[in-house]
């Protein structure tokens, strides 16, 4: 992994967001599927948000 140089006057901030329990379970399912089959788990497409 390379080093990213910050441009003058710009600060890069890395902020991780905590995972929900539902997200943790889904990630665990995906990892278990991959370990059992050696293939990526087929995922459904995310629903698009519509502006009202």
PDB file of N, CA and C in Angstrom:
ATOM      1  N   UNK A   1       0.848  -1.167   0.000  1.00  0.00           N
ATOM      2  CA  UNK A   1       0.000   0.000   0.000  1.00  0.00           C
ATOM      3  C   UNK A   1       0.896   1.232   0.000  1.00  0.00           C
ATOM      4  N   UNK A   2       0.564   2.185  -0.840  1.00  0.00           N
ATOM      5  CA  UNK A   2       1.397   3.365  -0.971  1.00  0.00           C
ATOM      6  C   UNK A   2       1.021   4.461   0.002  1.00  0.00           C
ATOM      7  N   UNK A   3       1.842   5.453   0.031  1.00  0.00           N
ATOM      8  CA  UNK A   3       1.634   6.611   0.888  1.00  0.00           C
ATOM      9  C   UNK A   3       0.931   7.695   0.078  1.00  0.00           C
ATOM     10  N   UNK A   4      -0.117   8.283   0.627  1.00  0.00           N
ATOM     11  CA  UNK A   4      -0.842   9.353  -0.053  1.00  0.00           C
ATOM     12  C   UNK A   4      -0.396  10.677   0.545  1.00  0.00           C
ATOM     13  N   UNK A   5       0.112  11.557  -0.303  1.00  0.00           N
ATOM     14  CA  UNK A   5       0.570  12.851   0.165  1.00  0.00           C
ATOM     15  C   UNK A   5      -0.611  13.825   0.168  1.00  0.00           C
ATOM     16  N   UNK A   6      -0.781  14.512   1.299  1.00  0.00           N
ATOM     17  CA  UNK A   6      -1.866  15.482   1.405  1.00  0.00           C
ATOM     18  C   UNK A   6      -1.517  16.745   0.644  1.00  0.00           C
ATOM     19  N   UNK A   7      -2.441  17.245  -0.168  1.00  0.00           N
ATOM     20  CA  UNK A   7      -2.212  18.532  -0.818  1.00  0.00           C
ATOM     21  C   UNK A   7      -2.135  19.642   0.225  1.00  0.00           C
ATOM     22  N   UNK A   8      -1.495  20.737  -0.120  1.00  0.00           N
ATOM     23  CA  UNK A   8      -1.361  21.858   0.807  1.00  0.00           C
ATOM     24  C   UNK A   8      -2.755  22.387   1.156  1.00  0.00           C
ATOM     25  N   UNK A   9      -3.032  22.530   2.447  1.00  0.00           N
ATOM     26  CA  UNK A   9      -4.306  23.076   2.905  1.00  0.00           C
ATOM     27  C   UNK A   9      -5.427  22.055   3.008  1.00  0.00           C
ATOM     28  N   UNK A  10      -5.123  20.772   2.765  1.00  0.00           N
ATOM     29  CA  UNK A  10      -6.141  19.727   2.846  1.00  0.00           C
ATOM     30  C   UNK A  10      -5.685  18.686   3.859  1.00  0.00           C
ATOM     31  N   UNK A  11      -6.586  18.293   4.771  1.00  0.00           N
ATOM     32  CA  UNK A  11      -6.294  17.259   5.751  1.00  0.00           C
ATOM     33  C   UNK A  11      -7.189  16.063   5.483  1.00  0.00           C
ATOM     34  N   UNK A  12      -6.587  14.881   5.317  1.00  0.00           N
ATOM     35  CA  UNK A  12      -7.352  13.657   5.169  1.00  0.00           C
ATOM     36  C   UNK A  12      -7.634  13.100   6.549  1.00  0.00           C
ATOM     37  N   UNK A  13      -8.909  12.770   6.812  1.00  0.00           N
ATOM     38  CA  UNK A  13      -9.294  12.212   8.098  1.00  0.00           C
ATOM     39  C   UNK A  13      -9.972  10.873   7.833  1.00  0.00           C
ATOM     40  N   UNK A  14      -9.503   9.836   8.506  1.00  0.00           N
ATOM     41  CA  UNK A  14     -10.105   8.510   8.382  1.00  0.00           C
ATOM     42  C   UNK A  14     -10.931   8.277   9.635  1.00  0.00           C
ATOM     43  N   UNK A  15     -12.239   8.095   9.432  1.00  0.00           N
ATOM     44  CA  UNK A  15     -13.151   7.916  10.553  1.00  0.00           C
ATOM     45  C   UNK A  15     -13.991   6.674  10.291  1.00  0.00           C
ATOM     46  N   UNK A  16     -13.815   5.652  11.095  1.00  0.00           N
ATOM     47  CA  UNK A  16     -14.599   4.432  10.888  1.00  0.00           C
ATOM     48  C   UNK A  16     -15.936   4.544  11.609  1.00  0.00           C
ATOM     49  N   UNK A  17     -16.947   3.955  10.993  1.00  0.00           N
ATOM     50  CA  UNK A  17     -18.277   3.959  11.583  1.00  0.00           C
ATOM     51  C   UNK A  17     -18.513   2.599  12.230  1.00  0.00           C
ATOM     52  N   UNK A  18     -19.046   2.571  13.434  1.00  0.00           N
ATOM     53  CA  UNK A  18     -19.299   1.279  14.079  1.00  0.00           C
ATOM     54  C   UNK A  18     -20.349   0.476  13.309  1.00  0.00           C
ATOM     55  N   UNK A  19     -20.170  -0.845  13.258  1.00  0.00           N
ATOM     56  CA  UNK A  19     -21.112  -1.714  12.564  1.00  0.00           C
ATOM     57  C   UNK A  19     -22.285  -2.052  13.480  1.00  0.00           C
ATOM     58  N   UNK A  20     -23.459  -2.187  12.862  1.00  0.00           N
ATOM     59  CA  UNK A  20     -24.624  -2.620  13.627  1.00  0.00           C
ATOM     60  C   UNK A  20     -24.548  -4.134  13.802  1.00  0.00           C
ATOM     61  N   UNK A  21     -25.349  -4.674  14.688  1.00  0.00           N
ATOM     62  CA  UNK A  21     -25.381  -6.117  14.919  1.00  0.00           C
ATOM     63  C   UNK A  21     -25.808  -6.829  13.641  1.00  0.00           C
ATOM     64  N   UNK A  22     -26.774  -6.246  12.919  1.00  0.00           N
ATOM     65  CA  UNK A  22     -27.236  -6.832  11.657  1.00  0.00           C
ATOM     66  C   UNK A  22     -26.108  -6.880  10.625  1.00  0.00           C
ATOM     67  N   UNK A  23     -25.311  -5.800  10.536  1.00  0.00           N
ATOM     68  CA  UNK A  23     -24.182  -5.766   9.605  1.00  0.00           C
ATOM     69  C   UNK A  23     -23.138  -6.823   9.965  1.00  0.00           C
ATOM     70  N   UNK A  24     -22.856  -6.979  11.245  1.00  0.00           N
ATOM     71  CA  UNK A  24     -21.879  -7.978  11.686  1.00  0.00           C
ATOM     72  C   UNK A  24     -22.326  -9.396  11.325  1.00  0.00           C
ATOM     73  N   UNK A  25     -23.634  -9.680  11.515  1.00  0.00           N
ATOM     74  CA  UNK A  25     -24.161 -10.996  11.187  1.00  0.00           C
ATOM     75  C   UNK A  25     -24.060 -11.265   9.694  1.00  0.00           C
ATOM     76  N   UNK A  26     -24.396 -10.271   8.868  1.00  0.00           N
ATOM     77  CA  UNK A  26     -24.344 -10.441   7.413  1.00  0.00           C
ATOM     78  C   UNK A  26     -22.904 -10.683   6.952  1.00  0.00           C
ATOM     79  N   UNK A  27     -21.961  -9.948   7.502  1.00  0.00           N
ATOM     80  CA  UNK A  27     -20.551 -10.130   7.149  1.00  0.00           C
ATOM     81  C   UNK A  27     -20.090 -11.528   7.557  1.00  0.00           C
ATOM     82  N   UNK A  28     -20.499 -11.992   8.729  1.00  0.00           N
ATOM     83  CA  UNK A  28     -20.139 -13.334   9.184  1.00  0.00           C
ATOM     84  C   UNK A  28     -20.707 -14.406   8.261  1.00  0.00           C
ATOM     85  N   UNK A  29     -21.950 -14.206   7.794  1.00  0.00           N
ATOM     86  CA  UNK A  29     -22.567 -15.151   6.860  1.00  0.00           C
ATOM     87  C   UNK A  29     -21.784 -15.202   5.551  1.00  0.00           C
ATOM     88  N   UNK A  30     -21.387 -14.056   5.047  1.00  0.00           N
ATOM     89  CA  UNK A  30     -20.649 -13.981   3.787  1.00  0.00           C
ATOM     90  C   UNK A  30     -19.304 -14.689   3.923  1.00  0.00           C
ATOM     91  N   UNK A  31     -18.608 -14.448   5.023  1.00  0.00           N
ATOM     92  CA  UNK A  31     -17.304 -15.088   5.243  1.00  0.00           C
ATOM     93  C   UNK A  31     -17.466 -16.598   5.369  1.00  0.00           C
ATOM     94  N   UNK A  32     -18.480 -17.060   6.120  1.00  0.00           N
ATOM     95  CA  UNK A  32     -18.716 -18.490   6.286  1.00  0.00           C
ATOM     96  C   UNK A  32     -19.045 -19.140   4.943  1.00  0.00           C
ATOM     97  N   UNK A  33     -19.841 -18.488   4.111  1.00  0.00           N
ATOM     98  CA  UNK A  33     -20.182 -19.008   2.789  1.00  0.00           C
ATOM     99  C   UNK A  33     -18.920 -19.138   1.941  1.00  0.00           C
ATOM    100  N   UNK A  34     -18.082 -18.131   1.964  1.00  0.00           N
ATOM    101  CA  UNK A  34     -16.846 -18.154   1.174  1.00  0.00           C
ATOM    102  C   UNK A  34     -15.918 -19.281   1.628  1.00  0.00           C
ATOM    103  N   UNK A  35     -15.795 -19.458   2.939  1.00  0.00           N
ATOM    104  CA  UNK A  35     -14.927 -20.518   3.462  1.00  0.00           C
ATOM    105  C   UNK A  35     -15.468 -21.901   3.096  1.00  0.00           C
ATOM    106  N   UNK A  36     -16.795 -22.053   3.067  1.00  0.00           N
ATOM    107  CA  UNK A  36     -17.392 -23.349   2.771  1.00  0.00           C
ATOM    108  C   UNK A  36     -17.352 -23.687   1.286  1.00  0.00           C
ATOM    109  N   UNK A  37     -17.529 -22.674   0.422  1.00  0.00           N
ATOM    110  CA  UNK A  37     -17.649 -22.950  -1.011  1.00  0.00           C
ATOM    111  C   UNK A  37     -16.456 -22.472  -1.829  1.00  0.00           C
ATOM    112  N   UNK A  38     -15.731 -21.483  -1.331  1.00  0.00           N
ATOM    113  CA  UNK A  38     -14.634 -20.913  -2.096  1.00  0.00           C
ATOM    114  C   UNK A  38     -15.101 -19.913  -3.137  1.00  0.00           C
ATOM    115  N   UNK A  39     -16.393 -19.568  -3.100  1.00  0.00           N
ATOM    116  CA  UNK A  39     -16.952 -18.605  -4.058  1.00  0.00           C
ATOM    117  C   UNK A  39     -17.568 -17.429  -3.318  1.00  0.00           C
ATOM    118  N   UNK A  40     -17.727 -16.324  -4.045  1.00  0.00           N
ATOM    119  CA  UNK A  40     -18.387 -15.158  -3.465  1.00  0.00           C
ATOM    120  C   UNK A  40     -19.876 -15.444  -3.325  1.00  0.00           C
ATOM    121  N   UNK A  41     -20.471 -14.931  -2.265  1.00  0.00           N
ATOM    122  CA  UNK A  41     -21.891 -15.113  -2.029  1.00  0.00           C
ATOM    123  C   UNK A  41     -22.673 -14.189  -2.957  1.00  0.00           C
ATOM    124  N   UNK A  42     -23.698 -14.708  -3.649  1.00  0.00           N
ATOM    125  CA  UNK A  42     -24.507 -13.823  -4.499  1.00  0.00           C
ATOM    126  C   UNK A  42     -25.315 -12.869  -3.617  1.00  0.00           C
ATOM    127  N   UNK A  43     -25.183 -11.588  -3.880  1.00  0.00           N
ATOM    128  CA  UNK A  43     -25.881 -10.579  -3.091  1.00  0.00           C
ATOM    129  C   UNK A  43     -26.927  -9.888  -3.945  1.00  0.00           C
ATOM    130  N   UNK A  44     -28.023  -9.510  -3.320  1.00  0.00           N
ATOM    131  CA  UNK A  44     -29.042  -8.764  -4.048  1.00  0.00           C
ATOM    132  C   UNK A  44     -28.610  -7.310  -4.149  1.00  0.00           C
ATOM    133  N   UNK A  45     -29.053  -6.650  -5.192  1.00  0.00           N
ATOM    134  CA  UNK A  45     -28.714  -5.247  -5.406  1.00  0.00           C
ATOM    135  C   UNK A  45     -29.399  -4.395  -4.344  1.00  0.00           C
ATOM    136  N   UNK A  46     -28.734  -3.315  -3.931  1.00  0.00           N
ATOM    137  CA  UNK A  46     -29.309  -2.404  -2.938  1.00  0.00           C
ATOM    138  C   UNK A  46     -30.462  -1.632  -3.580  1.00  0.00           C
ATOM    139  N   UNK A  47     -31.467  -1.365  -2.791  1.00  0.00           N
ATOM    140  CA  UNK A  47     -32.609  -0.600  -3.288  1.00  0.00           C
ATOM    141  C   UNK A  47     -32.207   0.849  -3.452  1.00  0.00           C
ATOM    142  N   UNK A  48     -32.660   1.438  -4.556  1.00  0.00           N
ATOM    143  CA  UNK A  48     -32.349   2.843  -4.812  1.00  0.00           C
ATOM    144  C   UNK A  48     -33.314   3.722  -4.034  1.00  0.00           C
ATOM    145  N   UNK A  49     -32.779   4.796  -3.494  1.00  0.00           N
ATOM    146  CA  UNK A  49     -33.609   5.750  -2.779  1.00  0.00           C
ATOM    147  C   UNK A  49     -34.200   6.721  -3.787  1.00  0.00           C
ATOM    148  N   UNK A  50     -35.484   6.999  -3.648  1.00  0.00           N
ATOM    149  CA  UNK A  50     -36.109   7.951  -4.556  1.00  0.00           C
ATOM    150  C   UNK A  50     -36.360   9.248  -3.813  1.00  0.00           C
ATOM    151  N   UNK A  51     -36.215  10.324  -4.504  1.00  0.00           N
ATOM    152  CA  UNK A  51     -36.478  11.630  -3.912  1.00  0.00           C
ATOM    153  C   UNK A  51     -37.933  11.985  -4.130  1.00  0.00           C
ATOM    154  N   UNK A  52     -38.591  12.404  -3.079  1.00  0.00           N
ATOM    155  CA  UNK A  52     -40.006  12.749  -3.180  1.00  0.00           C
ATOM    156  C   UNK A  52     -40.191  14.236  -3.138  1.00  0.00           C
TER     157      UNK A  52
END
